[in-house]
C-alpha atoms as a PDB file:
ATOM      1  CA  MET A   1     143.724  93.483 135.282  1.00  0.00           C
ATOM      2  CA  ASN A   2     141.153  96.229 134.841  1.00  0.00           C
ATOM      3  CA  PRO A   3     139.872  96.966 131.363  1.00  0.00           C
ATOM      4  CA  SER A   4     141.449 100.205 130.158  1.00  0.00           C
ATOM      5  CA  PRO A   5     141.884 102.084 126.889  1.00  0.00           C
ATOM      6  CA  ASN A   6     145.308 103.269 128.107  1.00  0.00           C
ATOM      7  CA  LEU A   7     148.575 101.379 128.091  1.00  0.00           C
ATOM      8  CA  PHE A   8     151.361 102.625 130.359  1.00  0.00           C
ATOM      9  CA  LEU A   9     154.926 101.358 129.986  1.00  0.00           C
ATOM     10  CA  VAL A  10     157.239 101.214 132.977  1.00  0.00           C
ATOM     11  CA  GLY A  11     160.683  99.756 133.421  1.00  0.00           C
ATOM     12  CA  PRO A  12     164.344 100.560 133.812  1.00  0.00           C
ATOM     13  CA  THR A  13     166.417 102.885 131.691  1.00  0.00           C
ATOM     14  CA  GLY A  14     167.185 101.254 128.362  1.00  0.00           C
ATOM     15  CA  ALA A  15     164.353  98.702 128.582  1.00  0.00           C
ATOM     16  CA  GLY A  16     162.818  99.992 125.342  1.00  0.00           C
ATOM     17  CA  LYS A  17     159.846 101.922 126.690  1.00  0.00           C
ATOM     18  CA  THR A  18     160.056 104.510 123.908  1.00  0.00           C
ATOM     19  CA  THR A  19     160.933 102.268 120.972  1.00  0.00           C
ATOM     20  CA  ILE A  20     158.572  99.438 121.904  1.00  0.00           C
ATOM     21  CA  GLY A  21     155.941 101.980 122.947  1.00  0.00           C
ATOM     22  CA  GLN A  22     156.027 103.630 119.517  1.00  0.00           C
ATOM     23  CA  ARG A  23     155.542 100.240 117.851  1.00  0.00           C
ATOM     24  CA  LEU A  24     152.654  99.352 120.151  1.00  0.00           C
ATOM     25  CA  ALA A  25     150.965 102.703 119.565  1.00  0.00           C
ATOM     26  CA  ALA A  26     151.282 102.290 115.796  1.00  0.00           C
ATOM     27  CA  HIS A  27     149.925  98.735 115.968  1.00  0.00           C
ATOM     28  CA  TYR A  28     146.881  99.783 118.003  1.00  0.00           C
ATOM     29  CA  GLY A  29     146.354 103.101 116.199  1.00  0.00           C
ATOM     30  CA  LEU A  30     146.827 105.098 119.398  1.00  0.00           C
ATOM     31  CA  PRO A  31     148.792 108.267 120.102  1.00  0.00           C
ATOM     32  CA  PHE A  32     152.194 107.706 121.709  1.00  0.00           C
ATOM     33  CA  ILE A  33     153.399 109.922 124.542  1.00  0.00           C
ATOM     34  CA  ASP A  34     156.918 109.831 125.944  1.00  0.00           C
ATOM     35  CA  LEU A  35     156.597 111.527 129.327  1.00  0.00           C
ATOM     36  CA  ASP A  36     160.233 112.691 129.422  1.00  0.00           C
ATOM     37  CA  VAL A  37     159.954 114.232 125.936  1.00  0.00           C
ATOM     38  CA  GLU A  38     156.788 116.074 126.987  1.00  0.00           C
ATOM     39  CA  ILE A  39     158.455 117.400 130.137  1.00  0.00           C
ATOM     40  CA  GLU A  40     161.425 118.653 128.105  1.00  0.00           C
ATOM     41  CA  ALA A  41     159.166 120.300 125.522  1.00  0.00           C
ATOM     42  CA  ARG A  42     157.051 122.074 128.109  1.00  0.00           C
ATOM     43  CA  CYS A  43     159.983 123.154 130.262  1.00  0.00           C
ATOM     44  CA  GLY A  44     162.179 124.194 127.358  1.00  0.00           C
ATOM     45  CA  MET A  45     165.165 122.303 128.741  1.00  0.00           C
ATOM     46  CA  THR A  46     166.553 118.792 128.855  1.00  0.00           C
ATOM     47  CA  ILE A  47     165.996 116.381 131.708  1.00  0.00           C
ATOM     48  CA  ALA A  48     169.698 116.741 132.548  1.00  0.00           C
ATOM     49  CA  ASP A  49     169.286 120.544 132.739  1.00  0.00           C
ATOM     50  CA  ILE A  50     166.248 120.188 134.989  1.00  0.00           C
ATOM     51  CA  PHE A  51     168.234 117.873 137.277  1.00  0.00           C
ATOM     52  CA  GLU A  52     171.116 120.359 137.315  1.00  0.00           C
ATOM     53  CA  ARG A  53     168.947 123.403 138.057  1.00  0.00           C
ATOM     54  CA  GLU A  54     166.249 121.923 140.275  1.00  0.00           C
ATOM     55  CA  GLY A  55     167.723 118.667 141.514  1.00  0.00           C
ATOM     56  CA  GLU A  56     166.017 115.322 141.358  1.00  0.00           C
ATOM     57  CA  ALA A  57     163.192 116.537 143.616  1.00  0.00           C
ATOM     58  CA  GLY A  58     162.347 119.357 141.184  1.00  0.00           C
ATOM     59  CA  PHE A  59     162.293 116.979 138.254  1.00  0.00           C
ATOM     60  CA  ARG A  60     160.159 114.425 140.124  1.00  0.00           C
ATOM     61  CA  ALA A  61     157.583 117.122 140.979  1.00  0.00           C
ATOM     62  CA  ARG A  62     157.301 118.024 137.294  1.00  0.00           C
ATOM     63  CA  GLU A  63     157.114 114.346 136.361  1.00  0.00           C
ATOM     64  CA  CYS A  64     154.270 113.749 138.819  1.00  0.00           C
ATOM     65  CA  ALA A  65     152.244 116.697 137.515  1.00  0.00           C
ATOM     66  CA  HIS A  66     152.716 115.713 133.875  1.00  0.00           C
ATOM     67  CA  LEU A  67     151.891 112.054 134.528  1.00  0.00           C
ATOM     68  CA  SER A  68     148.703 113.057 136.325  1.00  0.00           C
ATOM     69  CA  GLU A  69     147.669 115.237 133.380  1.00  0.00           C
ATOM     70  CA  PHE A  70     148.490 112.852 130.522  1.00  0.00           C
ATOM     71  CA  SER A  71     147.091 109.775 132.260  1.00  0.00           C
ATOM     72  CA  LEU A  72     143.633 111.358 132.219  1.00  0.00           C
ATOM     73  CA  ARG A  73     143.478 110.974 128.448  1.00  0.00           C
ATOM     74  CA  ASP A  74     141.650 108.034 126.906  1.00  0.00           C
ATOM     75  CA  GLY A  75     143.277 105.736 124.387  1.00  0.00           C
ATOM     76  CA  ILE A  76     147.002 106.421 124.654  1.00  0.00           C
ATOM     77  CA  VAL A  77     150.255 104.526 124.930  1.00  0.00           C
ATOM     78  CA  LEU A  78     152.441 106.366 127.441  1.00  0.00           C
ATOM     79  CA  ALA A  79     156.079 105.632 128.245  1.00  0.00           C
ATOM     80  CA  THR A  80     157.087 106.798 131.706  1.00  0.00           C
ATOM     81  CA  GLY A  81     160.554 107.716 132.797  1.00  0.00           C
ATOM     82  CA  ALA A  82     162.396 104.956 134.639  1.00  0.00           C
ATOM     83  CA  GLY A  83     162.038 106.698 138.001  1.00  0.00           C
ATOM     84  CA  ALA A  84     158.362 107.613 137.768  1.00  0.00           C
ATOM     85  CA  VAL A  85     157.465 104.627 139.962  1.00  0.00           C
ATOM     86  CA  LEU A  86     159.384 106.056 142.919  1.00  0.00           C
ATOM     87  CA  ASP A  87     156.480 108.330 143.847  1.00  0.00           C
ATOM     88  CA  PRO A  88     153.611 106.432 145.487  1.00  0.00           C
ATOM     89  CA  SER A  89     151.036 108.769 143.908  1.00  0.00           C
ATOM     90  CA  ASN A  90     152.467 107.989 140.458  1.00  0.00           C
ATOM     91  CA  ARG A  91     152.135 104.278 141.138  1.00  0.00           C
ATOM     92  CA  GLU A  92     148.513 104.786 142.174  1.00  0.00           C
ATOM     93  CA  THR A  93     147.819 106.901 139.081  1.00  0.00           C
ATOM     94  CA  LEU A  94     149.315 104.316 136.757  1.00  0.00           C
ATOM     95  CA  MET A  95     147.415 101.430 138.306  1.00  0.00           C
ATOM     96  CA  ALA A  96     144.097 103.312 138.417  1.00  0.00           C
ATOM     97  CA  ARG A  97     144.130 104.866 134.954  1.00  0.00           C
ATOM     98  CA  GLY A  98     145.592 102.241 132.651  1.00  0.00           C
ATOM     99  CA  THR A  99     146.990  98.829 131.988  1.00  0.00           C
ATOM    100  CA  VAL A 100     150.617  98.764 133.106  1.00  0.00           C
ATOM    101  CA  LEU A 101     153.144  96.862 131.014  1.00  0.00           C
ATOM    102  CA  MET A 102     156.547  96.427 132.607  1.00  0.00           C
ATOM    103  CA  LEU A 103     159.451  96.073 130.201  1.00  0.00           C
ATOM    104  CA  GLY A 104     162.144  94.114 131.989  1.00  0.00           C
ATOM    105  CA  VAL A 105     165.802  94.098 131.006  1.00  0.00           C
ATOM    106  CA  ASP A 106     168.958  92.862 132.704  1.00  0.00           C
ATOM    107  CA  VAL A 107     171.941  95.074 133.487  1.00  0.00           C
ATOM    108  CA  ASP A 108     174.138  93.567 130.744  1.00  0.00           C
ATOM    109  CA  GLU A 109     171.518  94.441 128.138  1.00  0.00           C
ATOM    110  CA  GLN A 110     171.134  97.932 129.601  1.00  0.00           C
ATOM    111  CA  LEU A 111     174.882  98.481 129.388  1.00  0.00           C
ATOM    112  CA  ASP A 112     174.860  97.383 125.765  1.00  0.00           C
ATOM    113  CA  ARG A 113     171.888  99.551 124.802  1.00  0.00           C
ATOM    114  CA  LEU A 114     173.135 102.613 126.698  1.00  0.00           C
ATOM    115  CA  ARG A 115     176.826 102.388 125.825  1.00  0.00           C
ATOM    116  CA  HIS A 116     176.744 105.649 123.813  1.00  0.00           C
ATOM    117  CA  ASP A 117     174.186 107.462 125.970  1.00  0.00           C
ATOM    118  CA  THR A 118     175.524 110.501 127.827  1.00  0.00           C
ATOM    119  CA  ALA A 119     172.231 112.312 128.434  1.00  0.00           C
ATOM    120  CA  ARG A 120     170.737 110.401 131.377  1.00  0.00           C
ATOM    121  CA  PRO A 121     171.667 111.963 134.709  1.00  0.00           C
ATOM    122  CA  MET A 122     170.716 108.944 136.824  1.00  0.00           C
ATOM    123  CA  ILE A 123     173.395 106.781 135.173  1.00  0.00           C
ATOM    124  CA  ALA A 124     176.107 109.405 134.840  1.00  0.00           C
ATOM    125  CA  GLY A 125     179.506 108.634 136.307  1.00  0.00           C
ATOM    126  CA  ASP A 126     182.293 106.126 135.993  1.00  0.00           C
ATOM    127  CA  ASP A 127     180.651 103.033 137.499  1.00  0.00           C
ATOM    128  CA  ARG A 128     177.680 102.679 135.178  1.00  0.00           C
ATOM    129  CA  ARG A 129     177.211  98.974 135.974  1.00  0.00           C
ATOM    130  CA  GLY A 130     177.163  99.670 139.695  1.00  0.00           C
ATOM    131  CA  ARG A 131     174.715 102.519 139.207  1.00  0.00           C
ATOM    132  CA  LEU A 132     172.368 100.379 137.076  1.00  0.00           C
ATOM    133  CA  GLU A 133     172.540  97.528 139.590  1.00  0.00           C
ATOM    134  CA  SER A 134     171.729  99.927 142.414  1.00  0.00           C
ATOM    135  CA  LEU A 135     168.781 101.410 140.503  1.00  0.00           C
ATOM    136  CA  ALA A 136     167.499  97.900 139.740  1.00  0.00           C
ATOM    137  CA  GLY A 137     167.688  97.023 143.416  1.00  0.00           C
ATOM    138  CA  HIS A 138     165.596 100.062 144.352  1.00  0.00           C
ATOM    139  CA  ARG A 139     163.108 100.045 141.482  1.00  0.00           C
ATOM    140  CA  ASN A 140     162.497  96.598 139.983  1.00  0.00           C
ATOM    141  CA  HIS A 141     160.156  95.528 142.780  1.00  0.00           C
ATOM    142  CA  LEU A 142     158.139  98.739 142.255  1.00  0.00           C
ATOM    143  CA  TYR A 143     157.742  98.042 138.527  1.00  0.00           C
ATOM    144  CA  GLU A 144     156.627  94.494 139.289  1.00  0.00           C
ATOM    145  CA  GLU A 145     154.273  95.638 142.059  1.00  0.00           C
ATOM    146  CA  ILE A 146     152.189  97.787 139.708  1.00  0.00           C
ATOM    147  CA  ALA A 147     152.539  95.776 136.486  1.00  0.00           C
ATOM    148  CA  ASP A 148     149.511  94.076 135.010  1.00  0.00           C
ATOM    149  CA  LEU A 149     151.829  92.371 132.515  1.00  0.00           C
ATOM    150  CA  ILE A 150     155.587  91.807 132.427  1.00  0.00           C
ATOM    151  CA  PHE A 151     157.517  91.617 129.168  1.00  0.00           C
ATOM    152  CA  ARG A 152     161.141  90.508 129.488  1.00  0.00           C
ATOM    153  CA  GLY A 153     163.754  91.496 126.943  1.00  0.00           C
ATOM    154  CA  ARG A 154     165.828  88.781 125.268  1.00  0.00           C
ATOM    155  CA  HIS A 155     168.819  90.647 123.854  1.00  0.00           C
ATOM    156  CA  GLU A 156     166.891  91.118 120.613  1.00  0.00           C
ATOM    157  CA  SER A 157     166.112  93.866 118.146  1.00  0.00           C
ATOM    158  CA  VAL A 158     162.964  95.980 118.317  1.00  0.00           C
ATOM    159  CA  ASP A 159     161.770  94.201 115.183  1.00  0.00           C
ATOM    160  CA  GLU A 160     161.906  90.923 117.118  1.00  0.00           C
ATOM    161  CA  ALA A 161     160.653  92.245 120.461  1.00  0.00           C
ATOM    162  CA  ALA A 162     157.661  94.281 119.263  1.00  0.00           C
ATOM    163  CA  PRO A 163     155.712  91.317 117.855  1.00  0.00           C
ATOM    164  CA  ARG A 164     156.299  89.386 121.084  1.00  0.00           C
ATOM    165  CA  ALA A 165     154.992  92.334 123.111  1.00  0.00           C
ATOM    166  CA  ILE A 166     151.960  92.637 120.828  1.00  0.00           C
ATOM    167  CA  ALA A 167     151.248  88.923 121.193  1.00  0.00           C
ATOM    168  CA  LEU A 168     151.347  89.255 124.991  1.00  0.00           C
ATOM    169  CA  LEU A 169     148.985  92.227 124.879  1.00  0.00           C
ATOM    170  CA  GLU A 170     146.632  90.485 122.459  1.00  0.00           C
ATOM    171  CA  ARG A 171     146.248  87.653 124.972  1.00  0.00           C
ATOM    172  CA  HIS A 172     145.737  89.821 128.045  1.00  0.00           C
ATOM    173  CA  TRP A 173     144.979  93.518 127.430  1.00  0.00           C
ATOM    174  CA  LYS A 174     141.311  94.352 127.842  1.00  0.00           C
ATOM    175  CA  ARG A 175     141.026  97.715 126.108  1.00  0.00           C
ATOM    176  CA  HIS A 176     137.400  98.510 126.972  1.00  0.00           C
END
């Protein structure tokens, strides 16, 4: 693992990248950036609207450009979108410019965490379990491939998970 002032969080939808990321940023006194929130703010529309108007390819192009820009900062905690790892250039950017922490979660936990979520276009539809399993099959190996550290969820609250994630980082993250 290369020393880096930046911490990048990757993982599937519902893994806790935003909630855990906010806790990690607060703990380390670093700014927190949620890439999807930044894309929405700059585009003036939701991710779902971008998908509807521009398709997945249009959204992924925006995601790539924003990731490239934000990853150049020093001393940030950045949560990527779940699909950011699909683009090989994004994977290279993440590995080159920061320490990558994968947040792992199983499909049952995702279903529980996302049971009221209607905003995510990649899991829309009737067969949410099947969709999540399919996404896991296509993406989990990519998360693992670029991860410096892997943090697995345990069907626990953020208050329980955050200290475990911090303990892992304290043992392994070389910030300078």
